[in-house]
Amino acid sequence: MSIPETQDELEKAWVTAYSPETIERALESISDKPLQQRVMHLVMRLCFRGIYFPQMNKRAWMKLIAQNRRAIFNLAKESISKRRAGQKRMTKFHSDLHGASGD
């Protein structure tokens, strides 16, 4: 294999490793992990990707975020639903607490 062929193969491997589809599959493979770990995994993949495919300006970062919007949206949706569930539990807890005290 020549040096240019090796370079082409390496570039293809990096493009595949950091594609939005690969990132989504990686997040699915750790779906049993806490939300914070999955968010950190996504952030680290996007930042580490910048070493090989530099995002030096806002436009490049916006493009990267747009390309990974489905993974970002899924994590955001899960975060919002967990937060709402936690708020409902706290509301019920306070309601039960005040109801039991006779107020």
Protein backbone atom coordinates (compact mmCIF):
# COMPACT_ATOMS: atom_id res chain seq x y z
CA MET A 1 0.00 0.00 0.00
CA SER A 2 1.40 3.37 -0.98
CA ILE A 3 1.54 6.41 1.27
CA PRO A 4 -1.32 8.19 -0.58
CA GLU A 5 -3.45 5.00 -0.36
CA THR A 6 -2.71 4.73 3.35
CA GLN A 7 -3.64 8.38 3.81
CA ASP A 8 -6.94 7.83 1.94
CA GLU A 9 -7.75 4.76 4.05
CA LEU A 10 -6.95 6.62 7.25
CA GLU A 11 -9.14 9.56 6.25
CA LYS A 12 -12.05 7.23 5.40
CA ALA A 13 -11.65 5.51 8.78
CA TRP A 14 -11.77 8.82 10.67
CA VAL A 15 -14.76 10.05 8.68
CA THR A 16 -16.59 6.81 9.46
CA ALA A 17 -15.56 6.81 13.13
CA TYR A 18 -16.94 10.31 13.69
CA SER A 19 -19.98 10.25 11.43
CA PRO A 20 -23.34 11.19 12.99
CA GLU A 21 -24.56 7.61 12.44
CA THR A 22 -21.57 6.14 14.27
CA ILE A 23 -21.99 8.59 17.13
CA GLU A 24 -25.68 7.63 17.42
CA ARG A 25 -24.80 3.92 17.47
CA ALA A 26 -22.20 4.55 20.16
CA LEU A 27 -24.78 6.38 22.29
CA GLU A 28 -27.29 3.55 21.76
CA SER A 29 -24.67 1.03 22.89
CA ILE A 30 -24.36 2.83 26.24
CA SER A 31 -28.07 3.58 26.61
CA ASP A 32 -28.06 1.77 29.97
CA LYS A 33 -25.60 4.32 31.38
CA PRO A 34 -26.74 7.46 33.22
CA LEU A 35 -27.78 10.42 31.10
CA GLN A 36 -24.84 12.54 32.29
CA GLN A 37 -22.36 9.94 31.04
CA ARG A 38 -24.04 9.78 27.63
CA VAL A 39 -24.08 13.58 27.31
CA MET A 40 -20.40 13.70 28.24
CA HIS A 41 -19.68 10.94 25.71
CA LEU A 42 -21.36 12.96 22.96
CA VAL A 43 -19.56 16.19 23.90
CA MET A 44 -16.21 14.42 24.03
CA ARG A 45 -16.76 12.77 20.64
CA LEU A 46 -17.66 16.11 19.06
CA CYS A 47 -14.64 17.84 20.61
CA PHE A 48 -12.22 14.99 19.91
CA ARG A 49 -13.47 14.98 16.33
CA GLY A 50 -12.20 18.54 16.12
CA ILE A 51 -8.63 17.29 16.39
CA TYR A 52 -8.93 15.53 13.05
CA PHE A 53 -11.57 17.70 11.39
CA PRO A 54 -10.95 21.15 12.87
CA GLN A 55 -13.99 23.35 13.49
CA MET A 56 -12.27 26.69 13.63
CA ASN A 57 -15.28 28.92 13.17
CA LYS A 58 -18.89 29.20 14.29
CA ARG A 59 -20.23 28.06 10.94
CA ALA A 60 -18.29 24.78 11.12
CA TRP A 61 -19.52 24.15 14.68
CA MET A 62 -23.11 24.89 13.66
CA LYS A 63 -22.77 22.44 10.78
CA LEU A 64 -21.40 19.78 13.16
CA ILE A 65 -24.29 20.37 15.59
CA ALA A 66 -26.80 20.22 12.74
CA GLN A 67 -25.31 16.95 11.52
CA ASN A 68 -25.64 15.48 15.01
CA ARG A 69 -29.00 17.07 15.81
CA ARG A 70 -30.81 13.75 16.18
CA ALA A 71 -28.44 12.50 18.90
CA ILE A 72 -28.52 15.91 20.60
CA PHE A 73 -32.33 16.07 20.39
CA ASN A 74 -32.75 12.56 21.82
CA LEU A 75 -30.55 13.34 24.83
CA ALA A 76 -32.25 16.71 25.36
CA LYS A 77 -35.70 15.10 25.16
CA GLU A 78 -34.70 12.47 27.72
CA SER A 79 -33.27 15.14 30.00
CA ILE A 80 -36.44 17.24 29.84
CA SER A 81 -38.71 14.26 30.51
CA LYS A 82 -36.58 13.18 33.51
CA ARG A 83 -36.65 16.71 34.87
CA ARG A 84 -40.43 16.91 34.51
CA ALA A 85 -40.84 13.54 36.21
CA GLY A 86 -38.66 14.77 39.07
CA GLN A 87 -40.73 17.94 39.40
CA LYS A 88 -43.95 15.91 39.52
CA ARG A 89 -42.49 13.71 42.28
CA MET A 90 -41.47 16.79 44.26
CA THR A 91 -44.91 18.37 43.82
CA LYS A 92 -46.57 15.17 45.02
CA PHE A 93 -44.12 14.92 47.93
CA HIS A 94 -44.88 18.49 49.05
CA SER A 95 -48.60 17.92 48.57
CA ASP A 96 -48.48 14.73 50.65
CA LEU A 97 -46.34 16.44 53.28
CA HIS A 98 -48.68 19.40 53.70
CA GLY A 99 -51.78 17.22 53.50
CA ALA A 100 -50.48 14.94 56.27
CA SER A 101 -49.71 17.85 58.59
CA GLY A 102 -53.29 19.09 58.46
CA ASP A 103 -52.52 22.47 56.85
